[in-house]
N, C-alpha and C. Protein backbone atom coordinates (compact mmCIF):
# COMPACT_ATOMS: atom_id res chain seq x y z
N MET A 1 158.16 65.55 134.72
CA MET A 1 159.15 65.26 135.77
C MET A 1 159.90 66.52 136.08
N ASN A 2 160.22 66.70 137.33
CA ASN A 2 160.97 67.85 137.76
C ASN A 2 162.43 67.51 138.01
N GLU A 3 163.19 68.50 138.43
CA GLU A 3 164.63 68.31 138.68
C GLU A 3 164.90 67.22 139.72
N GLU A 4 164.11 67.19 140.79
CA GLU A 4 164.32 66.19 141.83
C GLU A 4 164.08 64.79 141.25
N SER A 5 163.12 64.66 140.35
CA SER A 5 162.82 63.37 139.72
C SER A 5 164.04 62.85 138.94
N PHE A 6 164.69 63.77 138.23
CA PHE A 6 165.86 63.35 137.46
C PHE A 6 167.04 62.99 138.39
N LEU A 7 167.18 63.70 139.49
CA LEU A 7 168.21 63.36 140.47
C LEU A 7 167.93 62.00 141.06
N LEU A 8 166.67 61.71 141.39
CA LEU A 8 166.28 60.43 141.93
C LEU A 8 166.53 59.32 140.90
N LEU A 9 166.21 59.58 139.64
CA LEU A 9 166.44 58.61 138.58
C LEU A 9 167.94 58.27 138.44
N GLY A 10 168.78 59.30 138.49
CA GLY A 10 170.20 59.07 138.45
C GLY A 10 170.70 58.26 139.64
N LEU A 11 170.22 58.58 140.83
CA LEU A 11 170.63 57.84 142.04
C LEU A 11 170.11 56.40 141.97
N ALA A 12 168.89 56.19 141.40
CA ALA A 12 168.35 54.85 141.28
C ALA A 12 169.23 54.01 140.36
N LEU A 13 169.65 54.60 139.24
CA LEU A 13 170.53 53.88 138.31
C LEU A 13 171.89 53.58 138.96
N TYR A 14 172.42 54.54 139.66
CA TYR A 14 173.69 54.33 140.38
C TYR A 14 173.55 53.22 141.41
N THR A 15 172.48 53.24 142.18
CA THR A 15 172.24 52.21 143.21
C THR A 15 172.10 50.83 142.56
N ALA A 16 171.39 50.75 141.45
CA ALA A 16 171.24 49.48 140.76
C ALA A 16 172.57 48.97 140.24
N GLN A 17 173.39 49.83 139.65
CA GLN A 17 174.68 49.41 139.14
C GLN A 17 175.61 48.99 140.26
N LYS A 18 175.57 49.69 141.37
CA LYS A 18 176.44 49.36 142.49
C LYS A 18 176.09 47.95 143.01
N PHE A 19 174.81 47.67 143.17
CA PHE A 19 174.39 46.33 143.59
C PHE A 19 174.73 45.30 142.56
N GLU A 20 174.45 45.57 141.31
CA GLU A 20 174.70 44.63 140.23
C GLU A 20 176.16 44.31 140.12
N TYR A 21 177.05 45.27 140.15
CA TYR A 21 178.49 45.01 140.06
C TYR A 21 178.99 44.28 141.30
N GLY A 22 178.43 44.58 142.46
CA GLY A 22 178.82 43.88 143.67
C GLY A 22 178.45 42.40 143.58
N LEU A 23 177.22 42.15 143.15
CA LEU A 23 176.77 40.75 143.02
C LEU A 23 177.55 40.02 141.93
N TYR A 24 177.78 40.67 140.83
CA TYR A 24 178.55 40.08 139.72
C TYR A 24 179.99 39.79 140.18
N GLY A 25 180.54 40.69 140.97
CA GLY A 25 181.91 40.48 141.48
C GLY A 25 182.01 39.25 142.36
N ILE A 26 181.01 39.10 143.26
CA ILE A 26 181.00 37.89 144.11
C ILE A 26 180.77 36.66 143.23
N ALA A 27 179.81 36.73 142.31
CA ALA A 27 179.51 35.59 141.45
C ALA A 27 180.71 35.21 140.60
N SER A 28 181.55 36.16 140.23
CA SER A 28 182.70 35.81 139.41
C SER A 28 183.65 34.86 140.15
N HIS A 29 183.58 34.86 141.48
CA HIS A 29 184.40 33.93 142.27
C HIS A 29 183.76 32.54 142.33
N LEU A 30 182.54 32.39 141.80
CA LEU A 30 181.85 31.14 141.83
C LEU A 30 181.78 30.47 140.49
N SER A 31 182.57 30.98 139.55
CA SER A 31 182.50 30.43 138.19
C SER A 31 183.00 28.99 138.07
N HIS A 32 183.60 28.50 139.15
CA HIS A 32 184.08 27.10 139.18
C HIS A 32 182.97 26.13 139.55
N LEU A 33 181.83 26.62 140.04
CA LEU A 33 180.72 25.73 140.42
C LEU A 33 180.09 25.07 139.22
N PRO A 34 179.62 23.83 139.38
CA PRO A 34 178.99 23.14 138.24
C PRO A 34 177.86 23.92 137.60
N VAL A 35 177.02 24.59 138.42
CA VAL A 35 175.92 25.36 137.85
C VAL A 35 176.40 26.48 136.96
N ALA A 36 177.55 27.05 137.30
CA ALA A 36 178.14 28.14 136.49
C ALA A 36 178.75 27.61 135.21
N LYS A 37 179.34 26.43 135.28
CA LYS A 37 180.03 25.87 134.11
C LYS A 37 179.03 25.47 133.00
N LYS A 38 177.77 25.32 133.35
CA LYS A 38 176.77 24.99 132.38
C LYS A 38 176.39 26.20 131.51
N ASP A 39 176.74 27.39 131.96
CA ASP A 39 176.37 28.61 131.27
C ASP A 39 177.64 29.26 130.73
N ARG A 40 177.74 29.39 129.39
CA ARG A 40 178.93 29.94 128.75
C ARG A 40 179.38 31.28 129.30
N ARG A 41 178.42 32.10 129.70
CA ARG A 41 178.78 33.44 130.18
C ARG A 41 179.68 33.39 131.39
N PHE A 42 179.61 32.28 132.16
CA PHE A 42 180.36 32.20 133.39
C PHE A 42 181.54 31.23 133.33
N THR A 43 181.70 30.52 132.26
CA THR A 43 182.73 29.49 132.17
C THR A 43 184.13 30.02 132.41
N ASN A 44 184.46 31.11 131.76
CA ASN A 44 185.83 31.66 131.90
C ASN A 44 185.89 32.97 132.68
N LEU A 45 184.83 33.23 133.39
CA LEU A 45 184.76 34.49 134.14
C LEU A 45 185.64 34.43 135.38
N THR A 46 186.52 35.41 135.51
CA THR A 46 187.36 35.53 136.72
C THR A 46 187.14 36.93 137.25
N PRO A 47 187.48 37.19 138.50
CA PRO A 47 187.37 38.56 139.03
C PRO A 47 188.17 39.55 138.18
N GLU A 48 189.32 39.14 137.68
CA GLU A 48 190.16 40.05 136.88
C GLU A 48 189.46 40.42 135.58
N ILE A 49 188.84 39.40 134.92
CA ILE A 49 188.12 39.67 133.67
C ILE A 49 186.91 40.56 133.97
N PHE A 50 186.22 40.27 135.05
CA PHE A 50 185.05 41.06 135.40
C PHE A 50 185.39 42.52 135.60
N LEU A 51 186.51 42.78 136.27
CA LEU A 51 186.90 44.18 136.58
C LEU A 51 187.64 44.85 135.41
N SER A 52 188.03 44.09 134.43
CA SER A 52 188.81 44.63 133.30
C SER A 52 187.96 45.59 132.45
N SER A 53 188.56 46.66 131.99
CA SER A 53 187.83 47.55 131.05
C SER A 53 188.23 47.21 129.60
N ASP A 54 189.03 46.18 129.41
CA ASP A 54 189.46 45.76 128.09
C ASP A 54 188.25 45.30 127.28
N PRO A 55 188.01 45.89 126.10
CA PRO A 55 186.87 45.51 125.27
C PRO A 55 186.86 44.01 124.89
N GLU A 56 188.03 43.42 124.90
CA GLU A 56 188.16 42.03 124.54
C GLU A 56 187.38 41.15 125.54
N HIS A 57 187.21 41.60 126.75
CA HIS A 57 186.56 40.83 127.80
C HIS A 57 185.07 41.16 127.93
N LYS A 58 184.56 42.08 127.10
CA LYS A 58 183.19 42.51 127.25
C LYS A 58 182.21 41.36 127.12
N ALA A 59 182.44 40.42 126.24
CA ALA A 59 181.56 39.29 126.05
C ALA A 59 181.41 38.44 127.32
N CYS A 60 182.43 38.42 128.15
CA CYS A 60 182.40 37.66 129.40
C CYS A 60 181.51 38.30 130.45
N ARG A 61 181.11 39.57 130.21
CA ARG A 61 180.30 40.27 131.19
C ARG A 61 178.89 40.51 130.70
N LYS A 62 178.41 39.66 129.82
CA LYS A 62 177.10 39.86 129.18
C LYS A 62 175.92 39.43 130.02
N ALA A 63 176.13 38.69 131.07
CA ALA A 63 174.98 38.23 131.87
C ALA A 63 174.24 39.39 132.51
N THR A 64 172.93 39.29 132.53
CA THR A 64 172.11 40.36 133.11
C THR A 64 171.99 40.11 134.63
N LEU A 65 171.50 41.16 135.31
CA LEU A 65 171.32 41.03 136.74
C LEU A 65 170.36 39.90 137.06
N GLY A 66 169.27 39.78 136.32
CA GLY A 66 168.32 38.69 136.54
C GLY A 66 168.96 37.33 136.36
N GLN A 67 169.80 37.16 135.35
CA GLN A 67 170.48 35.88 135.10
C GLN A 67 171.45 35.56 136.25
N ILE A 68 172.15 36.56 136.70
CA ILE A 68 173.09 36.35 137.85
C ILE A 68 172.33 35.94 139.09
N CYS A 69 171.21 36.62 139.38
CA CYS A 69 170.43 36.30 140.57
C CYS A 69 169.86 34.90 140.45
N GLU A 70 169.38 34.56 139.26
CA GLU A 70 168.80 33.24 139.09
C GLU A 70 169.83 32.14 139.23
N LEU A 71 171.00 32.34 138.69
CA LEU A 71 172.05 31.34 138.71
C LEU A 71 172.72 31.21 140.09
N PHE A 72 172.99 32.34 140.73
CA PHE A 72 173.78 32.29 141.95
C PHE A 72 173.03 32.63 143.24
N GLY A 73 171.83 33.17 143.10
CA GLY A 73 171.07 33.62 144.27
C GLY A 73 170.93 32.54 145.34
N ASP A 74 170.55 31.32 144.94
CA ASP A 74 170.39 30.25 145.92
C ASP A 74 171.71 29.88 146.56
N SER A 75 172.78 29.81 145.80
CA SER A 75 174.10 29.49 146.36
C SER A 75 174.54 30.50 147.36
N LEU A 76 174.16 31.74 147.17
CA LEU A 76 174.59 32.83 148.07
C LEU A 76 173.54 33.10 149.14
N LEU A 77 172.46 32.34 149.15
CA LEU A 77 171.38 32.47 150.13
C LEU A 77 170.73 33.86 150.09
N ILE A 78 170.64 34.46 148.93
CA ILE A 78 170.04 35.78 148.83
C ILE A 78 168.87 35.87 147.84
N SER A 79 168.41 34.72 147.33
CA SER A 79 167.28 34.80 146.41
C SER A 79 166.01 35.07 147.17
N GLY A 80 164.98 35.31 146.44
CA GLY A 80 163.68 35.49 147.04
C GLY A 80 162.89 36.55 146.38
N GLU A 81 161.69 36.75 146.93
CA GLU A 81 160.76 37.72 146.33
C GLU A 81 161.33 39.12 146.30
N GLU A 82 162.02 39.52 147.38
CA GLU A 82 162.57 40.88 147.45
C GLU A 82 163.59 41.10 146.36
N LEU A 83 164.44 40.09 146.08
CA LEU A 83 165.44 40.21 145.03
C LEU A 83 164.78 40.23 143.66
N GLU A 84 163.80 39.34 143.46
CA GLU A 84 163.07 39.32 142.21
C GLU A 84 162.36 40.65 141.93
N SER A 85 161.74 41.21 142.97
CA SER A 85 161.08 42.49 142.85
C SER A 85 162.07 43.59 142.49
N PHE A 86 163.23 43.55 143.12
CA PHE A 86 164.26 44.54 142.82
C PHE A 86 164.71 44.47 141.37
N VAL A 87 164.93 43.23 140.89
CA VAL A 87 165.33 43.05 139.50
C VAL A 87 164.26 43.55 138.55
N ALA A 88 163.01 43.25 138.83
CA ALA A 88 161.90 43.71 138.00
C ALA A 88 161.84 45.24 137.97
N SER A 89 161.99 45.85 139.14
CA SER A 89 162.00 47.32 139.22
C SER A 89 163.18 47.92 138.51
N ARG A 90 164.32 47.30 138.67
CA ARG A 90 165.53 47.77 137.99
C ARG A 90 165.32 47.75 136.48
N ASN A 91 164.73 46.67 135.98
CA ASN A 91 164.49 46.54 134.55
C ASN A 91 163.48 47.60 134.07
N LEU A 92 162.45 47.87 134.86
CA LEU A 92 161.50 48.89 134.51
C LEU A 92 162.17 50.26 134.45
N ILE A 93 162.98 50.55 135.45
CA ILE A 93 163.66 51.87 135.51
C ILE A 93 164.63 52.03 134.32
N VAL A 94 165.39 50.98 134.03
CA VAL A 94 166.36 51.08 132.95
C VAL A 94 165.76 51.08 131.58
N HIS A 95 164.73 50.26 131.38
CA HIS A 95 164.19 50.07 130.02
C HIS A 95 162.87 50.78 129.75
N ASP A 96 162.02 51.02 130.73
CA ASP A 96 160.69 51.49 130.46
C ASP A 96 160.22 52.66 131.32
N PHE A 97 161.12 53.29 132.04
CA PHE A 97 160.69 54.34 132.98
C PHE A 97 159.98 55.48 132.25
N TRP A 98 160.54 55.93 131.16
CA TRP A 98 159.92 57.04 130.44
C TRP A 98 158.48 56.72 130.04
N ARG A 99 158.29 55.50 129.52
CA ARG A 99 156.94 55.06 129.14
C ARG A 99 156.00 55.03 130.32
N GLU A 100 156.53 54.59 131.47
CA GLU A 100 155.68 54.43 132.66
C GLU A 100 155.31 55.76 133.31
N VAL A 101 156.14 56.78 133.15
CA VAL A 101 155.79 58.10 133.73
C VAL A 101 155.09 58.99 132.71
N ASN A 102 155.09 58.57 131.45
CA ASN A 102 154.39 59.28 130.37
C ASN A 102 153.46 58.27 129.68
N PRO A 103 152.48 57.70 130.45
CA PRO A 103 151.69 56.63 129.89
C PRO A 103 150.79 57.09 128.75
N LEU A 104 150.54 56.13 127.85
CA LEU A 104 149.59 56.36 126.80
C LEU A 104 148.20 56.36 127.41
N LYS A 105 147.18 56.67 126.63
CA LYS A 105 145.81 56.72 127.16
C LYS A 105 145.41 55.43 127.88
N ASP A 106 145.78 54.29 127.34
CA ASP A 106 145.34 53.02 127.89
C ASP A 106 146.18 52.50 129.02
N SER A 107 147.29 53.13 129.30
CA SER A 107 148.22 52.63 130.32
C SER A 107 147.93 53.25 131.69
N ILE A 108 148.26 52.53 132.71
CA ILE A 108 148.10 53.05 134.07
C ILE A 108 149.35 53.84 134.43
N GLY A 109 150.52 53.27 134.16
CA GLY A 109 151.79 53.95 134.46
C GLY A 109 152.08 53.99 135.93
N ILE A 110 153.18 54.66 136.30
CA ILE A 110 153.57 54.81 137.68
C ILE A 110 152.89 56.09 138.18
N GLN A 111 152.07 55.93 139.20
CA GLN A 111 151.32 57.07 139.69
C GLN A 111 152.19 58.13 140.38
N ASN A 112 153.18 57.69 141.13
CA ASN A 112 154.07 58.62 141.84
C ASN A 112 155.52 58.22 141.55
N PRO A 113 156.08 58.71 140.48
CA PRO A 113 157.43 58.30 140.09
C PRO A 113 158.49 58.58 141.14
N ASP A 114 158.44 59.71 141.82
CA ASP A 114 159.43 60.05 142.83
C ASP A 114 159.40 59.03 143.97
N GLU A 115 158.22 58.69 144.42
CA GLU A 115 158.09 57.72 145.52
C GLU A 115 158.57 56.36 145.06
N TYR A 116 158.25 55.98 143.83
CA TYR A 116 158.72 54.69 143.28
C TYR A 116 160.22 54.63 143.30
N LEU A 117 160.87 55.72 142.84
CA LEU A 117 162.33 55.75 142.82
C LEU A 117 162.93 55.76 144.21
N ARG A 118 162.32 56.48 145.16
CA ARG A 118 162.82 56.49 146.52
C ARG A 118 162.75 55.05 147.12
N GLU A 119 161.66 54.37 146.89
CA GLU A 119 161.53 52.99 147.42
C GLU A 119 162.55 52.07 146.76
N PHE A 120 162.78 52.24 145.47
CA PHE A 120 163.77 51.42 144.77
C PHE A 120 165.16 51.67 145.34
N ILE A 121 165.51 52.93 145.53
CA ILE A 121 166.80 53.29 146.08
C ILE A 121 166.97 52.68 147.47
N GLU A 122 165.95 52.76 148.30
CA GLU A 122 166.02 52.17 149.62
C GLU A 122 166.23 50.67 149.57
N LYS A 123 165.51 49.97 148.66
CA LYS A 123 165.67 48.52 148.47
C LYS A 123 167.11 48.22 148.02
N GLY A 124 167.59 49.01 147.07
CA GLY A 124 168.94 48.79 146.54
C GLY A 124 169.99 48.97 147.60
N LEU A 125 169.86 49.99 148.44
CA LEU A 125 170.81 50.20 149.52
C LEU A 125 170.77 49.05 150.53
N GLN A 126 169.56 48.57 150.83
CA GLN A 126 169.41 47.44 151.74
C GLN A 126 170.06 46.18 151.15
N LEU A 127 169.80 45.92 149.87
CA LEU A 127 170.39 44.73 149.24
C LEU A 127 171.91 44.83 149.14
N THR A 128 172.41 46.05 149.00
CA THR A 128 173.86 46.24 148.97
C THR A 128 174.46 45.92 150.35
N LYS A 129 173.71 46.30 151.40
CA LYS A 129 174.15 45.93 152.76
C LYS A 129 174.17 44.40 152.92
N VAL A 130 173.18 43.75 152.33
CA VAL A 130 173.15 42.29 152.38
C VAL A 130 174.40 41.71 151.70
N LEU A 131 174.76 42.25 150.54
CA LEU A 131 175.98 41.79 149.86
C LEU A 131 177.22 42.02 150.71
N HIS A 132 177.30 43.17 151.31
CA HIS A 132 178.48 43.46 152.18
C HIS A 132 178.50 42.49 153.37
N GLY A 133 177.35 42.14 153.90
CA GLY A 133 177.29 41.18 154.99
C GLY A 133 177.75 39.79 154.53
N LEU A 134 177.29 39.39 153.35
CA LEU A 134 177.74 38.13 152.76
C LEU A 134 179.24 38.13 152.58
N LEU A 135 179.76 39.21 152.00
CA LEU A 135 181.19 39.33 151.77
C LEU A 135 181.97 39.27 153.08
N SER A 136 181.45 39.87 154.13
CA SER A 136 182.11 39.84 155.41
C SER A 136 182.22 38.38 155.94
N HIS A 137 181.12 37.66 155.77
CA HIS A 137 181.15 36.22 156.17
C HIS A 137 182.15 35.43 155.31
N MET A 138 182.19 35.75 154.02
CA MET A 138 183.12 35.02 153.14
C MET A 138 184.56 35.30 153.51
N ILE A 139 184.85 36.55 153.84
CA ILE A 139 186.21 36.94 154.25
C ILE A 139 186.58 36.18 155.54
N GLU A 140 185.66 36.14 156.46
CA GLU A 140 185.91 35.44 157.71
C GLU A 140 186.16 33.95 157.46
N ALA A 141 185.34 33.33 156.62
CA ALA A 141 185.53 31.92 156.30
C ALA A 141 186.88 31.65 155.66
N ALA A 142 187.30 32.54 154.75
CA ALA A 142 188.60 32.39 154.11
C ALA A 142 189.72 32.54 155.15
N ALA A 143 189.59 33.50 156.04
CA ALA A 143 190.59 33.70 157.10
C ALA A 143 190.66 32.49 158.00
N LYS A 144 189.50 31.95 158.34
CA LYS A 144 189.45 30.76 159.23
C LYS A 144 190.14 29.58 158.56
N SER A 145 189.89 29.38 157.27
CA SER A 145 190.49 28.24 156.57
C SER A 145 192.03 28.41 156.48
N GLN A 146 192.52 29.59 156.59
CA GLN A 146 193.96 29.85 156.54
C GLN A 146 194.57 30.02 157.92
N GLY A 147 193.76 29.84 158.97
CA GLY A 147 194.27 30.04 160.34
C GLY A 147 194.60 31.46 160.62
N ARG A 148 193.85 32.41 160.06
CA ARG A 148 194.18 33.82 160.21
C ARG A 148 193.01 34.60 160.80
N LEU A 149 192.18 33.95 161.57
CA LEU A 149 191.02 34.63 162.17
C LEU A 149 191.39 35.83 163.02
N ASP A 150 192.55 35.77 163.65
CA ASP A 150 192.96 36.87 164.51
C ASP A 150 193.20 38.16 163.73
N GLU A 151 193.28 38.08 162.39
CA GLU A 151 193.48 39.27 161.56
C GLU A 151 192.15 39.97 161.21
N ILE A 152 191.04 39.35 161.55
CA ILE A 152 189.77 39.89 161.18
C ILE A 152 189.28 40.83 162.33
N ALA A 153 188.96 42.04 161.99
CA ALA A 153 188.42 42.99 162.95
C ALA A 153 187.11 43.51 162.38
N LEU A 154 186.00 43.14 162.97
CA LEU A 154 184.71 43.56 162.50
C LEU A 154 184.36 44.94 163.00
N THR A 155 183.89 45.81 162.11
CA THR A 155 183.45 47.15 162.50
C THR A 155 181.95 47.10 162.78
N GLU A 156 181.42 48.18 163.33
CA GLU A 156 179.97 48.27 163.57
C GLU A 156 179.21 48.11 162.24
N CYS A 157 179.79 48.69 161.20
CA CYS A 157 179.17 48.59 159.86
C CYS A 157 179.13 47.13 159.40
N ASP A 158 180.24 46.43 159.62
CA ASP A 158 180.27 44.99 159.25
C ASP A 158 179.19 44.22 160.00
N ILE A 159 179.03 44.49 161.28
CA ILE A 159 178.05 43.79 162.09
C ILE A 159 176.64 44.10 161.61
N GLU A 160 176.38 45.35 161.27
CA GLU A 160 175.07 45.76 160.73
C GLU A 160 174.80 45.06 159.39
N ASN A 161 175.82 45.02 158.53
CA ASN A 161 175.66 44.36 157.23
C ASN A 161 175.47 42.86 157.39
N ARG A 162 176.14 42.24 158.32
CA ARG A 162 175.98 40.81 158.58
C ARG A 162 174.54 40.52 159.05
N LYS A 163 174.01 41.38 159.89
CA LYS A 163 172.62 41.20 160.34
C LYS A 163 171.65 41.28 159.15
N ALA A 164 171.91 42.19 158.22
CA ALA A 164 171.06 42.31 157.02
C ALA A 164 171.14 41.03 156.21
N PHE A 165 172.35 40.52 156.01
CA PHE A 165 172.53 39.26 155.27
C PHE A 165 171.87 38.10 156.00
N GLU A 166 172.09 38.01 157.29
CA GLU A 166 171.55 36.90 158.08
C GLU A 166 170.03 36.90 158.07
N ALA A 167 169.41 38.08 158.05
CA ALA A 167 167.96 38.13 158.00
C ALA A 167 167.45 37.54 156.67
N VAL A 168 168.16 37.82 155.58
CA VAL A 168 167.75 37.27 154.29
C VAL A 168 168.08 35.78 154.24
N ALA A 169 169.27 35.41 154.67
CA ALA A 169 169.73 34.00 154.60
C ALA A 169 168.91 33.12 155.54
N SER A 170 168.41 33.67 156.62
CA SER A 170 167.66 32.82 157.56
C SER A 170 166.42 32.23 156.94
N LYS A 171 165.87 32.90 155.95
CA LYS A 171 164.70 32.38 155.22
C LYS A 171 165.04 31.07 154.52
N TRP A 172 166.31 30.92 154.13
CA TRP A 172 166.74 29.69 153.47
C TRP A 172 167.13 28.62 154.46
N LEU A 173 167.59 29.05 155.60
CA LEU A 173 168.11 28.10 156.59
C LEU A 173 167.07 27.62 157.58
N THR A 174 165.94 28.34 157.68
CA THR A 174 164.87 27.96 158.59
C THR A 174 163.86 27.07 157.86
N PRO A 175 163.57 25.88 158.38
CA PRO A 175 162.59 25.01 157.75
C PRO A 175 161.20 25.70 157.77
N GLN A 176 160.49 25.61 156.69
CA GLN A 176 159.19 26.23 156.61
C GLN A 176 158.08 25.30 157.04
């Protein structure tokens, strides 16, 4: 691996964490749902605990990205093959990347690690846009419920993110 590979690996990890923390942050607001109450990891999770750096709260943040996606993905209308593929790639990058770029004799490994990382980063950035679009819709719904819609001003970025979310969510809302 060369210097660019290591830079891509760092950016891939950063992209994965940014998406993971964003999804976990939204999911922490859903800990009141019955599906969340069945899982101890989410029973007492609040946004404050999630964002806390206090070691006492570390146990409340033990859920993995895959577990969060599985538990909340349908509720947030963002599950699907693309998300599952992203989680699988994230796990490979975090846990097995070295093995995959330095395969043993019998392994196939990743043929083009830099391209693999670039594609992962692109997927991560797209999924982060989806989260931002979801969050924009949630903010608007909260403002509407409080009679404060006039306080919402959507930017071009918000509109672009909403389109990304709506493209993913439409798969759930359109009868097959």
